[in-house]
Amino acid sequence: MTRVERLFPAPTLGLVLFVTWLLMVRSLAPGQILLGAFLAIIIPLLTRRFWLPFPRVKHPIKLALFVIGVLRDIVVANLQVSLLILSPKRTPHPGFIEYPLNVSDRLAVTLLANTVTMTPGTVSAYIRQDLTALFIHVLDMRDEESIIREIHERYEKPLKEIFEC
């Protein structure tokens, strides 16, 4: 590890922290810039021993396509949930499903749980400690098997390919 890597263990995180700080304080005063730079350096240094090794992205193009697909799904799900809530004739059928996980990598499981939660109409409620199942609350659960199949095909399978886990 070079001297620069020891001083800046996560340059992207530092940059995000710096920009976030300036956006939060809404100021470009020299003191705020210095404080933001200090925080951008010190926070990654103090927290690096808690980080898990980040798996290498094996297929960046698939990752970009995955992100685009998730963004599209978020928009579509927002429209579907809005129609469900606003329609006087349709009644939601909420429920929980136990989604069997096929990936065991902690990052892939976390990304899957977050993706499910970001998509309106579903919320990740619990991940088993042994990483074998994800419990999901579904706003309108009419066919449990089709929901499991859809999550597997749209989210888990691509994540497995992206990180090869």
C-alpha atoms as a PDB file:
ATOM      1  CA  MET A   1       0.000   0.000   0.000  1.00  0.00           C
ATOM      2  CA  THR A   2       1.505   3.323  -1.055  1.00  0.00           C
ATOM      3  CA  ARG A   3       1.695   6.388   1.157  1.00  0.00           C
ATOM      4  CA  VAL A   4      -1.113   8.072  -0.809  1.00  0.00           C
ATOM      5  CA  GLU A   5      -3.339   4.976  -0.447  1.00  0.00           C
ATOM      6  CA  ARG A   6      -2.702   4.957   3.325  1.00  0.00           C
ATOM      7  CA  LEU A   7      -3.647   8.638   3.593  1.00  0.00           C
ATOM      8  CA  PHE A   8      -6.650   8.348   1.236  1.00  0.00           C
ATOM      9  CA  PRO A   9      -7.989   4.778   1.629  1.00  0.00           C
ATOM     10  CA  ALA A  10     -11.266   5.632  -0.116  1.00  0.00           C
ATOM     11  CA  PRO A  11     -10.919   8.673  -2.377  1.00  0.00           C
ATOM     12  CA  THR A  12     -14.443   8.331  -3.780  1.00  0.00           C
ATOM     13  CA  LEU A  13     -15.929   8.211  -0.295  1.00  0.00           C
ATOM     14  CA  GLY A  14     -13.851  11.244   0.675  1.00  0.00           C
ATOM     15  CA  LEU A  15     -15.087  13.170  -2.346  1.00  0.00           C
ATOM     16  CA  VAL A  16     -18.703  12.255  -1.582  1.00  0.00           C
ATOM     17  CA  LEU A  17     -18.247  13.325   2.052  1.00  0.00           C
ATOM     18  CA  PHE A  18     -16.659  16.618   0.987  1.00  0.00           C
ATOM     19  CA  VAL A  19     -19.422  17.475  -1.498  1.00  0.00           C
ATOM     20  CA  THR A  20     -22.129  16.343   0.938  1.00  0.00           C
ATOM     21  CA  TRP A  21     -20.666  18.562   3.648  1.00  0.00           C
ATOM     22  CA  LEU A  22     -20.647  21.615   1.379  1.00  0.00           C
ATOM     23  CA  LEU A  23     -24.216  20.915   0.271  1.00  0.00           C
ATOM     24  CA  MET A  24     -25.382  20.517   3.870  1.00  0.00           C
ATOM     25  CA  VAL A  25     -23.819  23.754   5.113  1.00  0.00           C
ATOM     26  CA  ARG A  26     -24.754  25.584   1.888  1.00  0.00           C
ATOM     27  CA  SER A  27     -21.570  27.596   1.981  1.00  0.00           C
ATOM     28  CA  LEU A  28     -18.289  27.894   0.124  1.00  0.00           C
ATOM     29  CA  ALA A  29     -16.619  29.861   2.915  1.00  0.00           C
ATOM     30  CA  PRO A  30     -12.931  28.956   3.323  1.00  0.00           C
ATOM     31  CA  GLY A  31     -13.574  27.585   6.821  1.00  0.00           C
ATOM     32  CA  GLN A  32     -16.308  25.270   5.574  1.00  0.00           C
ATOM     33  CA  ILE A  33     -14.133  24.076   2.690  1.00  0.00           C
ATOM     34  CA  LEU A  34     -11.297  23.292   5.120  1.00  0.00           C
ATOM     35  CA  LEU A  35     -13.630  21.528   7.546  1.00  0.00           C
ATOM     36  CA  GLY A  36     -15.178  19.516   4.681  1.00  0.00           C
ATOM     37  CA  ALA A  37     -11.708  18.524   3.451  1.00  0.00           C
ATOM     38  CA  PHE A  38     -10.690  17.534   6.991  1.00  0.00           C
ATOM     39  CA  LEU A  39     -13.808  15.368   7.393  1.00  0.00           C
ATOM     40  CA  ALA A  40     -13.290  13.848   3.925  1.00  0.00           C
ATOM     41  CA  ILE A  41      -9.815  12.716   4.999  1.00  0.00           C
ATOM     42  CA  ILE A  42     -10.378  11.744   8.632  1.00  0.00           C
ATOM     43  CA  ILE A  43     -13.666   9.803   8.383  1.00  0.00           C
ATOM     44  CA  PRO A  44     -12.367   7.211   5.880  1.00  0.00           C
ATOM     45  CA  LEU A  45      -9.164   6.870   7.922  1.00  0.00           C
ATOM     46  CA  LEU A  46     -11.063   6.254  11.170  1.00  0.00           C
ATOM     47  CA  THR A  47     -13.599   3.852   9.657  1.00  0.00           C
ATOM     48  CA  ARG A  48     -11.491   1.738   7.283  1.00  0.00           C
ATOM     49  CA  ARG A  49     -10.969  -1.096   9.767  1.00  0.00           C
ATOM     50  CA  PHE A  50     -14.744  -1.686   9.798  1.00  0.00           C
ATOM     51  CA  TRP A  51     -15.040  -2.075   6.023  1.00  0.00           C
ATOM     52  CA  LEU A  52     -15.591  -5.434   4.444  1.00  0.00           C
ATOM     53  CA  PRO A  53     -13.532  -6.158   1.362  1.00  0.00           C
ATOM     54  CA  PHE A  54     -15.454  -4.854  -1.625  1.00  0.00           C
ATOM     55  CA  PRO A  55     -15.926  -7.494  -4.316  1.00  0.00           C
ATOM     56  CA  ARG A  56     -14.702  -6.566  -7.730  1.00  0.00           C
ATOM     57  CA  VAL A  57     -17.365  -5.705 -10.289  1.00  0.00           C
ATOM     58  CA  LYS A  58     -16.777  -8.285 -13.008  1.00  0.00           C
ATOM     59  CA  HIS A  59     -19.217  -6.837 -15.543  1.00  0.00           C
ATOM     60  CA  PRO A  60     -19.525  -3.036 -15.345  1.00  0.00           C
ATOM     61  CA  ILE A  61     -21.807  -2.890 -18.403  1.00  0.00           C
ATOM     62  CA  LYS A  62     -24.226  -5.303 -16.727  1.00  0.00           C
ATOM     63  CA  LEU A  63     -24.065  -3.140 -13.602  1.00  0.00           C
ATOM     64  CA  ALA A  64     -25.032  -0.055 -15.627  1.00  0.00           C
ATOM     65  CA  LEU A  65     -27.895  -1.973 -17.279  1.00  0.00           C
ATOM     66  CA  PHE A  66     -28.993  -3.228 -13.843  1.00  0.00           C
ATOM     67  CA  VAL A  67     -29.123   0.330 -12.465  1.00  0.00           C
ATOM     68  CA  ILE A  68     -31.114   1.534 -15.489  1.00  0.00           C
ATOM     69  CA  GLY A  69     -33.513  -1.396 -15.108  1.00  0.00           C
ATOM     70  CA  VAL A  70     -34.010  -0.702 -11.403  1.00  0.00           C
ATOM     71  CA  LEU A  71     -34.692   2.981 -12.098  1.00  0.00           C
ATOM     72  CA  ARG A  72     -37.264   1.979 -14.721  1.00  0.00           C
ATOM     73  CA  ASP A  73     -38.853  -0.487 -12.278  1.00  0.00           C
ATOM     74  CA  ILE A  74     -39.069   2.235  -9.615  1.00  0.00           C
ATOM     75  CA  VAL A  75     -40.987   4.526 -11.980  1.00  0.00           C
ATOM     76  CA  VAL A  76     -43.327   1.740 -13.133  1.00  0.00           C
ATOM     77  CA  ALA A  77     -43.925   0.515  -9.565  1.00  0.00           C
ATOM     78  CA  ASN A  78     -44.706   4.074  -8.440  1.00  0.00           C
ATOM     79  CA  LEU A  79     -47.403   4.267 -11.111  1.00  0.00           C
ATOM     80  CA  GLN A  80     -48.785   0.836 -10.192  1.00  0.00           C
ATOM     81  CA  VAL A  81     -48.928   1.642  -6.469  1.00  0.00           C
ATOM     82  CA  SER A  82     -50.555   5.011  -7.197  1.00  0.00           C
ATOM     83  CA  LEU A  83     -53.238   3.348  -9.322  1.00  0.00           C
ATOM     84  CA  LEU A  84     -53.801   0.697  -6.653  1.00  0.00           C
ATOM     85  CA  ILE A  85     -54.204   3.263  -3.891  1.00  0.00           C
ATOM     86  CA  LEU A  86     -56.315   5.714  -5.896  1.00  0.00           C
ATOM     87  CA  SER A  87     -58.617   3.117  -7.469  1.00  0.00           C
ATOM     88  CA  PRO A  88     -61.766   2.663  -5.371  1.00  0.00           C
ATOM     89  CA  LYS A  89     -62.463  -0.754  -6.914  1.00  0.00           C
ATOM     90  CA  ARG A  90     -59.089  -2.365  -6.179  1.00  0.00           C
ATOM     91  CA  THR A  91     -58.117  -3.455  -2.710  1.00  0.00           C
ATOM     92  CA  PRO A  92     -54.507  -4.264  -1.866  1.00  0.00           C
ATOM     93  CA  HIS A  93     -53.736  -7.723  -0.505  1.00  0.00           C
ATOM     94  CA  PRO A  94     -50.660  -7.161   1.681  1.00  0.00           C
ATOM     95  CA  GLY A  95     -48.561 -10.028   2.926  1.00  0.00           C
ATOM     96  CA  PHE A  96     -45.097 -11.384   3.617  1.00  0.00           C
ATOM     97  CA  ILE A  97     -43.071 -13.737   1.485  1.00  0.00           C
ATOM     98  CA  GLU A  98     -39.947 -15.683   2.325  1.00  0.00           C
ATOM     99  CA  TYR A  99     -37.624 -15.215  -0.620  1.00  0.00           C
ATOM    100  CA  PRO A 100     -34.986 -17.979  -0.838  1.00  0.00           C
ATOM    101  CA  LEU A 101     -31.574 -16.426  -1.511  1.00  0.00           C
ATOM    102  CA  ASN A 102     -29.283 -17.972  -4.114  1.00  0.00           C
ATOM    103  CA  VAL A 103     -26.402 -15.590  -3.383  1.00  0.00           C
ATOM    104  CA  SER A 104     -24.418 -15.623  -0.163  1.00  0.00           C
ATOM    105  CA  ASP A 105     -22.123 -12.643  -0.710  1.00  0.00           C
ATOM    106  CA  ARG A 106     -23.010 -10.002   1.892  1.00  0.00           C
ATOM    107  CA  LEU A 107     -22.813  -7.103  -0.572  1.00  0.00           C
ATOM    108  CA  ALA A 108     -25.019  -8.852  -3.144  1.00  0.00           C
ATOM    109  CA  VAL A 109     -27.606  -9.705  -0.454  1.00  0.00           C
ATOM    110  CA  THR A 110     -27.534  -6.110   0.816  1.00  0.00           C
ATOM    111  CA  LEU A 111     -27.934  -4.711  -2.707  1.00  0.00           C
ATOM    112  CA  LEU A 112     -30.812  -7.098  -3.361  1.00  0.00           C
ATOM    113  CA  ALA A 113     -32.566  -6.125  -0.114  1.00  0.00           C
ATOM    114  CA  ASN A 114     -32.072  -2.422  -0.870  1.00  0.00           C
ATOM    115  CA  THR A 115     -33.297  -2.829  -4.441  1.00  0.00           C
ATOM    116  CA  VAL A 116     -36.445  -4.578  -3.236  1.00  0.00           C
ATOM    117  CA  THR A 117     -37.032  -1.792  -0.700  1.00  0.00           C
ATOM    118  CA  MET A 118     -36.466   0.994  -3.260  1.00  0.00           C
ATOM    119  CA  THR A 119     -39.120  -0.462  -5.531  1.00  0.00           C
ATOM    120  CA  PRO A 120     -42.511   0.832  -4.334  1.00  0.00           C
ATOM    121  CA  GLY A 121     -44.891  -1.853  -3.155  1.00  0.00           C
ATOM    122  CA  THR A 122     -42.192  -4.035  -1.575  1.00  0.00           C
ATOM    123  CA  VAL A 123     -40.048  -3.672   1.534  1.00  0.00           C
ATOM    124  CA  SER A 124     -37.270  -5.936   2.777  1.00  0.00           C
ATOM    125  CA  ALA A 125     -38.206  -6.730   6.355  1.00  0.00           C
ATOM    126  CA  TYR A 126     -35.585  -9.237   7.528  1.00  0.00           C
ATOM    127  CA  ILE A 127     -32.519 -11.117   6.316  1.00  0.00           C
ATOM    128  CA  ARG A 128     -31.783 -14.460   7.932  1.00  0.00           C
ATOM    129  CA  GLN A 129     -28.451 -14.509   9.751  1.00  0.00           C
ATOM    130  CA  ASP A 130     -27.275 -17.469   7.663  1.00  0.00           C
ATOM    131  CA  LEU A 131     -28.143 -15.501   4.467  1.00  0.00           C
ATOM    132  CA  THR A 132     -30.550 -18.166   3.183  1.00  0.00           C
ATOM    133  CA  ALA A 133     -33.719 -16.086   3.009  1.00  0.00           C
ATOM    134  CA  LEU A 134     -35.001 -12.553   2.709  1.00  0.00           C
ATOM    135  CA  PHE A 135     -38.405 -11.722   4.171  1.00  0.00           C
ATOM    136  CA  ILE A 136     -40.279  -9.190   2.057  1.00  0.00           C
ATOM    137  CA  HIS A 137     -43.495  -7.316   2.732  1.00  0.00           C
ATOM    138  CA  VAL A 138     -45.554  -6.965  -0.432  1.00  0.00           C
ATOM    139  CA  LEU A 139     -48.338  -4.397  -0.742  1.00  0.00           C
ATOM    140  CA  ASP A 140     -50.389  -6.371  -3.256  1.00  0.00           C
ATOM    141  CA  MET A 141     -49.585 -10.067  -3.114  1.00  0.00           C
ATOM    142  CA  ARG A 142     -51.792 -12.043  -5.428  1.00  0.00           C
ATOM    143  CA  ASP A 143     -49.279 -14.658  -6.632  1.00  0.00           C
ATOM    144  CA  GLU A 144     -46.332 -15.369  -4.320  1.00  0.00           C
ATOM    145  CA  GLU A 145     -44.499 -17.598  -6.804  1.00  0.00           C
ATOM    146  CA  SER A 146     -44.582 -14.987  -9.578  1.00  0.00           C
ATOM    147  CA  ILE A 147     -43.196 -12.344  -7.186  1.00  0.00           C
ATOM    148  CA  ILE A 148     -40.355 -14.683  -6.170  1.00  0.00           C
ATOM    149  CA  ARG A 149     -39.652 -15.510  -9.822  1.00  0.00           C
ATOM    150  CA  GLU A 150     -39.692 -11.822 -10.803  1.00  0.00           C
ATOM    151  CA  ILE A 151     -37.274 -10.796  -8.013  1.00  0.00           C
ATOM    152  CA  HIS A 152     -34.970 -13.650  -8.950  1.00  0.00           C
ATOM    153  CA  GLU A 153     -34.928 -12.842 -12.668  1.00  0.00           C
ATOM    154  CA  ARG A 154     -34.887  -9.031 -12.453  1.00  0.00           C
ATOM    155  CA  TYR A 155     -32.589  -8.471  -9.476  1.00  0.00           C
ATOM    156  CA  GLU A 156     -30.820 -11.459  -7.925  1.00  0.00           C
ATOM    157  CA  LYS A 157     -29.664 -13.165 -11.121  1.00  0.00           C
ATOM    158  CA  PRO A 158     -28.108  -9.962 -12.561  1.00  0.00           C
ATOM    159  CA  LEU A 159     -26.385  -9.217  -9.222  1.00  0.00           C
ATOM    160  CA  LYS A 160     -24.955 -12.726  -9.219  1.00  0.00           C
ATOM    161  CA  GLU A 161     -23.587 -12.148 -12.738  1.00  0.00           C
ATOM    162  CA  ILE A 162     -22.246  -8.650 -11.963  1.00  0.00           C
ATOM    163  CA  PHE A 163     -20.203  -9.797  -8.960  1.00  0.00           C
ATOM    164  CA  GLU A 164     -19.793 -13.459 -10.024  1.00  0.00           C
ATOM    165  CA  CYS A 165     -20.823 -14.746  -6.610  1.00  0.00           C
END
